[in-house]
Amino acid sequence: MTARSTAIHELLDQHDALRLIMDGCEQLADELDGGGDCGARLVREVARLRHAFAAHVETERHVLGLGGRDLPPFPVDPDHPGPTAELRAMLSRLRAQLAAEERCLRSGAFVLLDDRA
């Protein structure tokens, strides 16, 4: 595998991992909205998503040279984790962003830092 394909593969693997965590957040949001007592678990899962997304952004900075990209707000109050509409909207935006990035990565629209030399 070339350095380029390895870098793209790493980013796509991170996208898959982020989607799994987002799925978990949505399942917990469903449970919470249905009256379940899972607020603390949802807060932990959102914190896990925040950490994974921060690592992904750092990889993008390293591999693609993307600077100035901030983490999105993760709208979960640790003391009062519901209602979940804001969280769901944020997850939808993240999914759309990942899909757009993947289209660019697969089309070659991103120039990797190693390709700039």
PDB file of N, CA and C in Angstrom:
ATOM      1  N   MET A   1       0.844  -1.185   0.000  1.00  0.00           N
ATOM      2  CA  MET A   1       0.000   0.000   0.000  1.00  0.00           C
ATOM      3  C   MET A   1       0.886   1.243   0.000  1.00  0.00           C
ATOM      4  N   THR A   2       0.510   2.226  -0.784  1.00  0.00           N
ATOM      5  CA  THR A   2       1.263   3.469  -0.820  1.00  0.00           C
ATOM      6  C   THR A   2       0.942   4.303   0.408  1.00  0.00           C
ATOM      7  N   ALA A   3       1.791   5.305   0.654  1.00  0.00           N
ATOM      8  CA  ALA A   3       1.541   6.201   1.782  1.00  0.00           C
ATOM      9  C   ALA A   3       0.192   6.894   1.609  1.00  0.00           C
ATOM     10  N   ARG A   4      -0.141   7.249   0.384  1.00  0.00           N
ATOM     11  CA  ARG A   4      -1.420   7.918   0.108  1.00  0.00           C
ATOM     12  C   ARG A   4      -2.592   6.999   0.443  1.00  0.00           C
ATOM     13  N   SER A   5      -2.555   5.774  -0.041  1.00  0.00           N
ATOM     14  CA  SER A   5      -3.674   4.872   0.212  1.00  0.00           C
ATOM     15  C   SER A   5      -3.752   4.490   1.694  1.00  0.00           C
ATOM     16  N   THR A   6      -2.615   4.399   2.372  1.00  0.00           N
ATOM     17  CA  THR A   6      -2.609   4.127   3.806  1.00  0.00           C
ATOM     18  C   THR A   6      -3.265   5.271   4.564  1.00  0.00           C
ATOM     19  N   ALA A   7      -2.935   6.499   4.206  1.00  0.00           N
ATOM     20  CA  ALA A   7      -3.514   7.672   4.874  1.00  0.00           C
ATOM     21  C   ALA A   7      -5.020   7.739   4.640  1.00  0.00           C
ATOM     22  N   ILE A   8      -5.441   7.514   3.408  1.00  0.00           N
ATOM     23  CA  ILE A   8      -6.868   7.539   3.097  1.00  0.00           C
ATOM     24  C   ILE A   8      -7.582   6.420   3.842  1.00  0.00           C
ATOM     25  N   HIS A   9      -6.983   5.246   3.878  1.00  0.00           N
ATOM     26  CA  HIS A   9      -7.573   4.118   4.585  1.00  0.00           C
ATOM     27  C   HIS A   9      -7.712   4.434   6.084  1.00  0.00           C
ATOM     28  N   GLU A  10      -6.710   5.064   6.667  1.00  0.00           N
ATOM     29  CA  GLU A  10      -6.762   5.434   8.083  1.00  0.00           C
ATOM     30  C   GLU A  10      -7.917   6.401   8.353  1.00  0.00           C
ATOM     31  N   LEU A  11      -8.070   7.394   7.495  1.00  0.00           N
ATOM     32  CA  LEU A  11      -9.162   8.359   7.669  1.00  0.00           C
ATOM     33  C   LEU A  11     -10.527   7.680   7.521  1.00  0.00           C
ATOM     34  N   LEU A  12     -10.659   6.806   6.540  1.00  0.00           N
ATOM     35  CA  LEU A  12     -11.928   6.107   6.337  1.00  0.00           C
ATOM     36  C   LEU A  12     -12.237   5.167   7.498  1.00  0.00           C
ATOM     37  N   ASP A  13     -11.212   4.519   8.053  1.00  0.00           N
ATOM     38  CA  ASP A  13     -11.413   3.674   9.242  1.00  0.00           C
ATOM     39  C   ASP A  13     -11.900   4.515  10.424  1.00  0.00           C
ATOM     40  N   GLN A  14     -11.338   5.716  10.560  1.00  0.00           N
ATOM     41  CA  GLN A  14     -11.790   6.602  11.632  1.00  0.00           C
ATOM     42  C   GLN A  14     -13.254   6.991  11.413  1.00  0.00           C
ATOM     43  N   HIS A  15     -13.634   7.223  10.182  1.00  0.00           N
ATOM     44  CA  HIS A  15     -15.043   7.542   9.885  1.00  0.00           C
ATOM     45  C   HIS A  15     -15.954   6.400  10.336  1.00  0.00           C
ATOM     46  N   ASP A  16     -15.552   5.165  10.036  1.00  0.00           N
ATOM     47  CA  ASP A  16     -16.358   4.009  10.449  1.00  0.00           C
ATOM     48  C   ASP A  16     -16.489   3.960  11.971  1.00  0.00           C
ATOM     49  N   ALA A  17     -15.380   4.195  12.668  1.00  0.00           N
ATOM     50  CA  ALA A  17     -15.410   4.178  14.131  1.00  0.00           C
ATOM     51  C   ALA A  17     -16.293   5.300  14.677  1.00  0.00           C
ATOM     52  N   LEU A  18     -16.223   6.483  14.066  1.00  0.00           N
ATOM     53  CA  LEU A  18     -17.069   7.594  14.497  1.00  0.00           C
ATOM     54  C   LEU A  18     -18.545   7.254  14.291  1.00  0.00           C
ATOM     55  N   ARG A  19     -18.869   6.624  13.172  1.00  0.00           N
ATOM     56  CA  ARG A  19     -20.269   6.251  12.917  1.00  0.00           C
ATOM     57  C   ARG A  19     -20.789   5.254  13.953  1.00  0.00           C
ATOM     58  N   LEU A  20     -19.946   4.318  14.358  1.00  0.00           N
ATOM     59  CA  LEU A  20     -20.368   3.358  15.386  1.00  0.00           C
ATOM     60  C   LEU A  20     -20.681   4.069  16.701  1.00  0.00           C
ATOM     61  N   ILE A  21     -19.854   5.023  17.070  1.00  0.00           N
ATOM     62  CA  ILE A  21     -20.101   5.772  18.306  1.00  0.00           C
ATOM     63  C   ILE A  21     -21.367   6.613  18.151  1.00  0.00           C
ATOM     64  N   MET A  22     -21.554   7.231  16.977  1.00  0.00           N
ATOM     65  CA  MET A  22     -22.769   8.020  16.746  1.00  0.00           C
ATOM     66  C   MET A  22     -24.009   7.131  16.823  1.00  0.00           C
ATOM     67  N   ASP A  23     -23.906   5.911  16.300  1.00  0.00           N
ATOM     68  CA  ASP A  23     -25.027   4.970  16.402  1.00  0.00           C
ATOM     69  C   ASP A  23     -25.360   4.715  17.868  1.00  0.00           C
ATOM     70  N   GLY A  24     -24.330   4.518  18.688  1.00  0.00           N
ATOM     71  CA  GLY A  24     -24.545   4.304  20.110  1.00  0.00           C
ATOM     72  C   GLY A  24     -25.199   5.501  20.773  1.00  0.00           C
ATOM     73  N   CYS A  25     -24.773   6.705  20.382  1.00  0.00           N
ATOM     74  CA  CYS A  25     -25.391   7.925  20.923  1.00  0.00           C
ATOM     75  C   CYS A  25     -26.865   7.986  20.553  1.00  0.00           C
ATOM     76  N   GLU A  26     -27.187   7.655  19.312  1.00  0.00           N
ATOM     77  CA  GLU A  26     -28.576   7.700  18.869  1.00  0.00           C
ATOM     78  C   GLU A  26     -29.428   6.653  19.580  1.00  0.00           C
ATOM     79  N   GLN A  27     -28.873   5.471  19.793  1.00  0.00           N
ATOM     80  CA  GLN A  27     -29.618   4.433  20.513  1.00  0.00           C
ATOM     81  C   GLN A  27     -29.910   4.884  21.950  1.00  0.00           C
ATOM     82  N   LEU A  28     -28.911   5.483  22.596  1.00  0.00           N
ATOM     83  CA  LEU A  28     -29.126   5.977  23.961  1.00  0.00           C
ATOM     84  C   LEU A  28     -30.102   7.149  23.978  1.00  0.00           C
ATOM     85  N   ALA A  29     -30.048   7.996  22.952  1.00  0.00           N
ATOM     86  CA  ALA A  29     -31.000   9.108  22.862  1.00  0.00           C
ATOM     87  C   ALA A  29     -32.422   8.571  22.713  1.00  0.00           C
ATOM     88  N   ASP A  30     -32.580   7.511  21.907  1.00  0.00           N
ATOM     89  CA  ASP A  30     -33.897   6.881  21.766  1.00  0.00           C
ATOM     90  C   ASP A  30     -34.394   6.371  23.118  1.00  0.00           C
ATOM     91  N   GLU A  31     -33.492   5.718  23.827  1.00  0.00           N
ATOM     92  CA  GLU A  31     -33.843   5.168  25.140  1.00  0.00           C
ATOM     93  C   GLU A  31     -34.213   6.289  26.116  1.00  0.00           C
ATOM     94  N   LEU A  32     -33.428   7.350  26.108  1.00  0.00           N
ATOM     95  CA  LEU A  32     -33.690   8.478  27.009  1.00  0.00           C
ATOM     96  C   LEU A  32     -35.026   9.136  26.672  1.00  0.00           C
ATOM     97  N   ASP A  33     -35.263   9.341  25.385  1.00  0.00           N
ATOM     98  CA  ASP A  33     -36.525   9.956  24.954  1.00  0.00           C
ATOM     99  C   ASP A  33     -37.726   9.073  25.288  1.00  0.00           C
ATOM    100  N   GLY A  34     -37.495   7.772  25.370  1.00  0.00           N
ATOM    101  CA  GLY A  34     -38.560   6.842  25.721  1.00  0.00           C
ATOM    102  C   GLY A  34     -38.759   6.693  27.220  1.00  0.00           C
ATOM    103  N   GLY A  35     -38.063   7.513  27.987  1.00  0.00           N
ATOM    104  CA  GLY A  35     -38.220   7.480  29.436  1.00  0.00           C
ATOM    105  C   GLY A  35     -37.182   6.655  30.162  1.00  0.00           C
ATOM    106  N   GLY A  36     -36.213   6.144  29.435  1.00  0.00           N
ATOM    107  CA  GLY A  36     -35.173   5.329  30.064  1.00  0.00           C
ATOM    108  C   GLY A  36     -34.246   6.146  30.945  1.00  0.00           C
ATOM    109  N   ASP A  37     -33.601   5.468  31.861  1.00  0.00           N
ATOM    110  CA  ASP A  37     -32.677   6.104  32.802  1.00  0.00           C
ATOM    111  C   ASP A  37     -31.244   5.878  32.314  1.00  0.00           C
ATOM    112  N   CYS A  38     -30.900   6.506  31.196  1.00  0.00           N
ATOM    113  CA  CYS A  38     -29.586   6.275  30.599  1.00  0.00           C
ATOM    114  C   CYS A  38     -28.835   7.574  30.374  1.00  0.00           C
ATOM    115  N   GLY A  39     -29.231   8.634  31.059  1.00  0.00           N
ATOM    116  CA  GLY A  39     -28.589   9.935  30.864  1.00  0.00           C
ATOM    117  C   GLY A  39     -27.092   9.900  31.078  1.00  0.00           C
ATOM    118  N   ALA A  40     -26.647   9.220  32.135  1.00  0.00           N
ATOM    119  CA  ALA A  40     -25.206   9.161  32.426  1.00  0.00           C
ATOM    120  C   ALA A  40     -24.464   8.403  31.324  1.00  0.00           C
ATOM    121  N   ARG A  41     -25.060   7.333  30.829  1.00  0.00           N
ATOM    122  CA  ARG A  41     -24.421   6.581  29.732  1.00  0.00           C
ATOM    123  C   ARG A  41     -24.348   7.421  28.473  1.00  0.00           C
ATOM    124  N   LEU A  42     -25.397   8.199  28.197  1.00  0.00           N
ATOM    125  CA  LEU A  42     -25.386   9.073  27.021  1.00  0.00           C
ATOM    126  C   LEU A  42     -24.290  10.123  27.151  1.00  0.00           C
ATOM    127  N   VAL A  43     -24.146  10.699  28.318  1.00  0.00           N
ATOM    128  CA  VAL A  43     -23.090  11.693  28.537  1.00  0.00           C
ATOM    129  C   VAL A  43     -21.727  11.065  28.294  1.00  0.00           C
ATOM    130  N   ARG A  44     -21.507   9.843  28.782  1.00  0.00           N
ATOM    131  CA  ARG A  44     -20.218   9.159  28.567  1.00  0.00           C
ATOM    132  C   ARG A  44     -19.996   8.860  27.089  1.00  0.00           C
ATOM    133  N   GLU A  45     -21.054   8.440  26.386  1.00  0.00           N
ATOM    134  CA  GLU A  45     -20.912   8.109  24.965  1.00  0.00           C
ATOM    135  C   GLU A  45     -20.628   9.365  24.138  1.00  0.00           C
ATOM    136  N   VAL A  46     -21.257  10.475  24.487  1.00  0.00           N
ATOM    137  CA  VAL A  46     -20.980  11.736  23.790  1.00  0.00           C
ATOM    138  C   VAL A  46     -19.552  12.184  24.072  1.00  0.00           C
ATOM    139  N   ALA A  47     -19.078  11.988  25.295  1.00  0.00           N
ATOM    140  CA  ALA A  47     -17.683  12.326  25.618  1.00  0.00           C
ATOM    141  C   ALA A  47     -16.734  11.454  24.795  1.00  0.00           C
ATOM    142  N   ARG A  48     -17.083  10.194  24.639  1.00  0.00           N
ATOM    143  CA  ARG A  48     -16.275   9.283  23.808  1.00  0.00           C
ATOM    144  C   ARG A  48     -16.265   9.755  22.353  1.00  0.00           C
ATOM    145  N   LEU A  49     -17.406  10.190  21.854  1.00  0.00           N
ATOM    146  CA  LEU A  49     -17.492  10.723  20.489  1.00  0.00           C
ATOM    147  C   LEU A  49     -16.636  11.976  20.350  1.00  0.00           C
ATOM    148  N   ARG A  50     -16.727  12.865  21.317  1.00  0.00           N
ATOM    149  CA  ARG A  50     -15.938  14.099  21.288  1.00  0.00           C
ATOM    150  C   ARG A  50     -14.437  13.772  21.217  1.00  0.00           C
ATOM    151  N   HIS A  51     -14.003  12.815  22.027  1.00  0.00           N
ATOM    152  CA  HIS A  51     -12.590  12.424  22.049  1.00  0.00           C
ATOM    153  C   HIS A  51     -12.178  11.810  20.694  1.00  0.00           C
ATOM    154  N   ALA A  52     -13.001  10.912  20.167  1.00  0.00           N
ATOM    155  CA  ALA A  52     -12.690  10.273  18.879  1.00  0.00           C
ATOM    156  C   ALA A  52     -12.687  11.292  17.746  1.00  0.00           C
ATOM    157  N   PHE A  53     -13.617  12.241  17.793  1.00  0.00           N
ATOM    158  CA  PHE A  53     -13.666  13.256  16.749  1.00  0.00           C
ATOM    159  C   PHE A  53     -12.444  14.172  16.830  1.00  0.00           C
ATOM    160  N   ALA A  54     -12.011  14.497  18.044  1.00  0.00           N
ATOM    161  CA  ALA A  54     -10.802  15.322  18.209  1.00  0.00           C
ATOM    162  C   ALA A  54      -9.586  14.604  17.635  1.00  0.00           C
ATOM    163  N   ALA A  55      -9.477  13.305  17.873  1.00  0.00           N
ATOM    164  CA  ALA A  55      -8.366  12.530  17.314  1.00  0.00           C
ATOM    165  C   ALA A  55      -8.439  12.504  15.787  1.00  0.00           C
ATOM    166  N   HIS A  56      -9.653  12.406  15.252  1.00  0.00           N
ATOM    167  CA  HIS A  56      -9.831  12.405  13.798  1.00  0.00           C
ATOM    168  C   HIS A  56      -9.409  13.747  13.197  1.00  0.00           C
ATOM    169  N   VAL A  57      -9.811  14.828  13.822  1.00  0.00           N
ATOM    170  CA  VAL A  57      -9.427  16.161  13.339  1.00  0.00           C
ATOM    171  C   VAL A  57      -7.908  16.305  13.367  1.00  0.00           C
ATOM    172  N   GLU A  58      -7.276  15.790  14.399  1.00  0.00           N
ATOM    173  CA  GLU A  58      -5.811  15.852  14.484  1.00  0.00           C
ATOM    174  C   GLU A  58      -5.173  15.045  13.347  1.00  0.00           C
ATOM    175  N   THR A  59      -5.737  13.887  13.041  1.00  0.00           N
ATOM    176  CA  THR A  59      -5.221  13.093  11.915  1.00  0.00           C
ATOM    177  C   THR A  59      -5.387  13.856  10.608  1.00  0.00           C
ATOM    178  N   GLU A  60      -6.544  14.495  10.425  1.00  0.00           N
ATOM    179  CA  GLU A  60      -6.755  15.295   9.214  1.00  0.00           C
ATOM    180  C   GLU A  60      -5.730  16.415   9.115  1.00  0.00           C
ATOM    181  N   ARG A  61      -5.440  17.062  10.225  1.00  0.00           N
ATOM    182  CA  ARG A  61      -4.436  18.141  10.217  1.00  0.00           C
ATOM    183  C   ARG A  61      -3.072  17.591   9.803  1.00  0.00           C
ATOM    184  N   HIS A  62      -2.747  16.418  10.338  1.00  0.00           N
ATOM    185  CA  HIS A  62      -1.442  15.816  10.044  1.00  0.00           C
ATOM    186  C   HIS A  62      -1.353  15.322   8.601  1.00  0.00           C
ATOM    187  N   VAL A  63      -2.395  14.653   8.130  1.00  0.00           N
ATOM    188  CA  VAL A  63      -2.367  14.013   6.812  1.00  0.00           C
ATOM    189  C   VAL A  63      -2.715  14.989   5.696  1.00  0.00           C
ATOM    190  N   LEU A  64      -3.719  15.830   5.936  1.00  0.00           N
ATOM    191  CA  LEU A  64      -4.223  16.708   4.887  1.00  0.00           C
ATOM    192  C   LEU A  64      -3.766  18.151   5.030  1.00  0.00           C
ATOM    193  N   GLY A  65      -3.235  18.484   6.192  1.00  0.00           N
ATOM    194  CA  GLY A  65      -2.814  19.860   6.416  1.00  0.00           C
ATOM    195  C   GLY A  65      -3.975  20.811   6.619  1.00  0.00           C
ATOM    196  N   LEU A  66      -5.117  20.265   7.037  1.00  0.00           N
ATOM    197  CA  LEU A  66      -6.280  21.116   7.277  1.00  0.00           C
ATOM    198  C   LEU A  66      -6.093  21.806   8.620  1.00  0.00           C
ATOM    199  N   GLY A  67      -6.080  23.098   8.604  1.00  0.00           N
ATOM    200  CA  GLY A  67      -5.931  23.847   9.846  1.00  0.00           C
ATOM    201  C   GLY A  67      -7.165  24.654  10.140  1.00  0.00           C
ATOM    202  N   GLY A  68      -7.276  25.068  11.360  1.00  0.00           N
ATOM    203  CA  GLY A  68      -8.351  25.964  11.741  1.00  0.00           C
ATOM    204  C   GLY A  68      -9.716  25.327  11.885  1.00  0.00           C
ATOM    205  N   ARG A  69      -9.781  24.025  11.825  1.00  0.00           N
ATOM    206  CA  ARG A  69     -11.073  23.341  11.966  1.00  0.00           C
ATOM    207  C   ARG A  69     -11.301  23.060  13.446  1.00  0.00           C
ATOM    208  N   ASP A  70     -12.384  23.586  13.952  1.00  0.00           N
ATOM    209  CA  ASP A  70     -12.704  23.395  15.356  1.00  0.00           C
ATOM    210  C   ASP A  70     -13.682  22.249  15.521  1.00  0.00           C
ATOM    211  N   LEU A  71     -13.706  21.712  16.716  1.00  0.00           N
ATOM    212  CA  LEU A  71     -14.683  20.680  17.028  1.00  0.00           C
ATOM    213  C   LEU A  71     -16.066  21.302  17.084  1.00  0.00           C
ATOM    214  N   PRO A  72     -17.055  20.579  16.605  1.00  0.00           N
ATOM    215  CA  PRO A  72     -18.418  21.102  16.724  1.00  0.00           C
ATOM    216  C   PRO A  72     -18.855  21.059  18.186  1.00  0.00           C
ATOM    217  N   PRO A  73     -19.843  21.840  18.545  1.00  0.00           N
ATOM    218  CA  PRO A  73     -20.361  21.730  19.913  1.00  0.00           C
ATOM    219  C   PRO A  73     -21.084  20.397  20.076  1.00  0.00           C
ATOM    220  N   PHE A  74     -20.896  19.784  21.211  1.00  0.00           N
ATOM    221  CA  PHE A  74     -21.560  18.527  21.511  1.00  0.00           C
ATOM    222  C   PHE A  74     -22.608  18.833  22.568  1.00  0.00           C
ATOM    223  N   PRO A  75     -23.860  19.044  22.137  1.00  0.00           N
ATOM    224  CA  PRO A  75     -24.901  19.617  22.994  1.00  0.00           C
ATOM    225  C   PRO A  75     -25.525  18.637  23.983  1.00  0.00           C
ATOM    226  N   VAL A  76     -24.745  18.235  24.959  1.00  0.00           N
ATOM    227  CA  VAL A  76     -25.293  17.389  26.011  1.00  0.00           C
ATOM    228  C   VAL A  76     -24.834  17.967  27.342  1.00  0.00           C
ATOM    229  N   ASP A  77     -25.796  18.376  28.136  1.00  0.00           N
ATOM    230  CA  ASP A  77     -25.525  18.897  29.470  1.00  0.00           C
ATOM    231  C   ASP A  77     -25.345  17.702  30.400  1.00  0.00           C
ATOM    232  N   PRO A  78     -24.171  17.560  31.015  1.00  0.00           N
ATOM    233  CA  PRO A  78     -23.939  16.403  31.883  1.00  0.00           C
ATOM    234  C   PRO A  78     -24.931  16.284  33.036  1.00  0.00           C
ATOM    235  N   ASP A  79     -25.471  17.411  33.468  1.00  0.00           N
ATOM    236  CA  ASP A  79     -26.412  17.380  34.585  1.00  0.00           C
ATOM    237  C   ASP A  79     -27.849  17.132  34.128  1.00  0.00           C
ATOM    238  N   HIS A  80     -28.147  17.500  32.883  1.00  0.00           N
ATOM    239  CA  HIS A  80     -29.505  17.354  32.330  1.00  0.00           C
ATOM    240  C   HIS A  80     -29.380  16.954  30.863  1.00  0.00           C
ATOM    241  N   PRO A  81     -29.120  15.664  30.571  1.00  0.00           N
ATOM    242  CA  PRO A  81     -28.803  15.250  29.204  1.00  0.00           C
ATOM    243  C   PRO A  81     -29.955  15.286  28.202  1.00  0.00           C
ATOM    244  N   GLY A  82     -31.182  15.480  28.603  1.00  0.00           N
ATOM    245  CA  GLY A  82     -32.283  15.538  27.635  1.00  0.00           C
ATOM    246  C   GLY A  82     -32.737  16.958  27.470  1.00  0.00           C
ATOM    247  N   PRO A  83     -33.557  17.326  26.532  1.00  0.00           N
ATOM    248  CA  PRO A  83     -34.016  16.526  25.394  1.00  0.00           C
ATOM    249  C   PRO A  83     -32.900  16.344  24.366  1.00  0.00           C
ATOM    250  N   THR A  84     -33.121  15.464  23.422  1.00  0.00           N
ATOM    251  CA  THR A  84     -32.034  15.057  22.537  1.00  0.00           C
ATOM    252  C   THR A  84     -32.102  15.637  21.131  1.00  0.00           C
ATOM    253  N   ALA A  85     -33.025  16.539  20.855  1.00  0.00           N
ATOM    254  CA  ALA A  85     -33.181  17.074  19.494  1.00  0.00           C
ATOM    255  C   ALA A  85     -31.905  17.749  19.000  1.00  0.00           C
ATOM    256  N   GLU A  86     -31.269  18.538  19.854  1.00  0.00           N
ATOM    257  CA  GLU A  86     -30.031  19.219  19.450  1.00  0.00           C
ATOM    258  C   GLU A  86     -28.919  18.215  19.165  1.00  0.00           C
ATOM    259  N   LEU A  87     -28.811  17.206  20.010  1.00  0.00           N
ATOM    260  CA  LEU A  87     -27.813  16.162  19.803  1.00  0.00           C
ATOM    261  C   LEU A  87     -28.066  15.447  18.484  1.00  0.00           C
ATOM    262  N   ARG A  88     -29.295  15.110  18.219  1.00  0.00           N
ATOM    263  CA  ARG A  88     -29.628  14.417  16.972  1.00  0.00           C
ATOM    264  C   ARG A  88     -29.301  15.279  15.748  1.00  0.00           C
ATOM    265  N   ALA A  89     -29.558  16.570  15.827  1.00  0.00           N
ATOM    266  CA  ALA A  89     -29.233  17.473  14.716  1.00  0.00           C
ATOM    267  C   ALA A  89     -27.726  17.519  14.495  1.00  0.00           C
ATOM    268  N   MET A  90     -26.964  17.565  15.585  1.00  0.00           N
ATOM    269  CA  MET A  90     -25.510  17.582  15.471  1.00  0.00           C
ATOM    270  C   MET A  90     -25.009  16.280  14.860  1.00  0.00           C
ATOM    271  N   LEU A  91     -25.561  15.150  15.281  1.00  0.00           N
ATOM    272  CA  LEU A  91     -25.152  13.862  14.725  1.00  0.00           C
ATOM    273  C   LEU A  91     -25.466  13.790  13.228  1.00  0.00           C
ATOM    274  N   SER A  92     -26.592  14.335  12.827  1.00  0.00           N
ATOM    275  CA  SER A  92     -26.947  14.361  11.413  1.00  0.00           C
ATOM    276  C   SER A  92     -25.940  15.194  10.614  1.00  0.00           C
ATOM    277  N   ARG A  93     -25.557  16.347  11.168  1.00  0.00           N
ATOM    278  CA  ARG A  93     -24.554  17.189  10.491  1.00  0.00           C
ATOM    279  C   ARG A  93     -23.206  16.471  10.398  1.00  0.00           C
ATOM    280  N   LEU A  94     -22.813  15.775  11.467  1.00  0.00           N
ATOM    281  CA  LEU A  94     -21.551  15.032  11.436  1.00  0.00           C
ATOM    282  C   LEU A  94     -21.591  13.928  10.379  1.00  0.00           C
ATOM    283  N   ARG A  95     -22.708  13.219  10.292  1.00  0.00           N
ATOM    284  CA  ARG A  95     -22.826  12.164   9.276  1.00  0.00           C
ATOM    285  C   ARG A  95     -22.705  12.741   7.863  1.00  0.00           C
ATOM    286  N   ALA A  96     -23.348  13.871   7.626  1.00  0.00           N
ATOM    287  CA  ALA A  96     -23.262  14.515   6.313  1.00  0.00           C
ATOM    288  C   ALA A  96     -21.830  14.966   6.028  1.00  0.00           C
ATOM    289  N   GLN A  97     -21.158  15.492   7.043  1.00  0.00           N
ATOM    290  CA  GLN A  97     -19.771  15.935   6.885  1.00  0.00           C
ATOM    291  C   GLN A  97     -18.867  14.751   6.555  1.00  0.00           C
ATOM    292  N   LEU A  98     -19.038  13.637   7.252  1.00  0.00           N
ATOM    293  CA  LEU A  98     -18.222  12.455   6.973  1.00  0.00           C
ATOM    294  C   LEU A  98     -18.470  11.958   5.553  1.00  0.00           C
ATOM    295  N   ALA A  99     -19.721  11.949   5.123  1.00  0.00           N
ATOM    296  CA  ALA A  99     -20.039  11.500   3.762  1.00  0.00           C
ATOM    297  C   ALA A  99     -19.381  12.408   2.720  1.00  0.00           C
ATOM    298  N   ALA A 100     -19.408  13.711   2.954  1.00  0.00           N
ATOM    299  CA  ALA A 100     -18.774  14.655   2.017  1.00  0.00           C
ATOM    300  C   ALA A 100     -17.263  14.451   1.981  1.00  0.00           C
ATOM    301  N   GLU A 101     -16.667  14.254   3.152  1.00  0.00           N
ATOM    302  CA  GLU A 101     -15.215  14.001   3.199  1.00  0.00           C
ATOM    303  C   GLU A 101     -14.868  12.731   2.430  1.00  0.00           C
ATOM    304  N   GLU A 102     -15.685  11.708   2.597  1.00  0.00           N
ATOM    305  CA  GLU A 102     -15.405  10.450   1.911  1.00  0.00           C
ATOM    306  C   GLU A 102     -15.496  10.594   0.399  1.00  0.00           C
ATOM    307  N   ARG A 103     -16.458  11.362  -0.066  1.00  0.00           N
ATOM    308  CA  ARG A 103     -16.542  11.612  -1.519  1.00  0.00           C
ATOM    309  C   ARG A 103     -15.262  12.287  -2.005  1.00  0.00           C
ATOM    310  N   CYS A 104     -14.779  13.256  -1.248  1.00  0.00           N
ATOM    311  CA  CYS A 104     -13.550  13.960  -1.633  1.00  0.00           C
ATOM    312  C   CYS A 104     -12.341  13.036  -1.568  1.00  0.00           C
ATOM    313  N   LEU A 105     -12.248  12.247  -0.507  1.00  0.00           N
ATOM    314  CA  LEU A 105     -11.100  11.331  -0.378  1.00  0.00           C
ATOM    315  C   LEU A 105     -11.077  10.318  -1.513  1.00  0.00           C
ATOM    316  N   ARG A 106     -12.238   9.790  -1.849  1.00  0.00           N
ATOM    317  CA  ARG A 106     -12.294   8.769  -2.906  1.00  0.00           C
ATOM    318  C   ARG A 106     -12.091   9.351  -4.294  1.00  0.00           C
ATOM    319  N   SER A 107     -12.430  10.616  -4.465  1.00  0.00           N
ATOM    320  CA  SER A 107     -12.275  11.247  -5.781  1.00  0.00           C
ATOM    321  C   SER A 107     -10.879  11.810  -5.990  1.00  0.00           C
ATOM    322  N   GLY A 108     -10.098  11.882  -4.918  1.00  0.00           N
ATOM    323  CA  GLY A 108      -8.760  12.461  -5.018  1.00  0.00           C
ATOM    324  C   GLY A 108      -8.765  13.973  -4.896  1.00  0.00           C
ATOM    325  N   ALA A 109      -9.878  14.553  -4.455  1.00  0.00           N
ATOM    326  CA  ALA A 109      -9.980  16.011  -4.344  1.00  0.00           C
ATOM    327  C   ALA A 109      -9.097  16.577  -3.243  1.00  0.00           C
ATOM    328  N   PHE A 110      -8.792  15.772  -2.227  1.00  0.00           N
ATOM    329  CA  PHE A 110      -7.881  16.219  -1.177  1.00  0.00           C
ATOM    330  C   PHE A 110      -6.456  15.964  -1.616  1.00  0.00           C
ATOM    331  N   VAL A 111      -5.588  16.905  -1.356  1.00  0.00           N
ATOM    332  CA  VAL A 111      -4.164  16.727  -1.610  1.00  0.00           C
ATOM    333  C   VAL A 111      -3.521  16.412  -0.273  1.00  0.00           C
ATOM    334  N   LEU A 112      -2.880  15.240  -0.181  1.00  0.00           N
ATOM    335  CA  LEU A 112      -2.212  14.877   1.054  1.00  0.00           C
ATOM    336  C   LEU A 112      -0.916  15.646   1.191  1.00  0.00           C
ATOM    337  N   LEU A 113      -0.496  15.894   2.412  1.00  0.00           N
ATOM    338  CA  LEU A 113       0.730  16.660   2.644  1.00  0.00           C
ATOM    339  C   LEU A 113       1.925  16.042   1.925  1.00  0.00           C
ATOM    340  N   ASP A 114       2.038  14.714   1.904  1.00  0.00           N
ATOM    341  CA  ASP A 114       3.157  14.063   1.231  1.00  0.00           C
ATOM    342  C   ASP A 114       3.139  14.297  -0.278  1.00  0.00           C
ATOM    343  N   ASP A 115       1.983  14.599  -0.846  1.00  0.00           N
ATOM    344  CA  ASP A 115       1.858  14.837  -2.283  1.00  0.00           C
ATOM    345  C   ASP A 115       2.299  16.246  -2.677  1.00  0.00           C
ATOM    346  N   ARG A 116       2.506  17.126  -1.694  1.00  0.00           N
ATOM    347  CA  ARG A 116       2.819  18.530  -1.996  1.00  0.00           C
ATOM    348  C   ARG A 116       4.299  18.765  -2.246  1.00  0.00           C
ATOM    349  N   ALA A 117       5.108  17.817  -1.958  1.00  0.00           N
ATOM    350  CA  ALA A 117       6.554  17.999  -2.103  1.00  0.00           C
ATOM    351  C   ALA A 117       6.977  18.081  -3.543  1.00  0.00           C
TER     352      ALA A 117
END
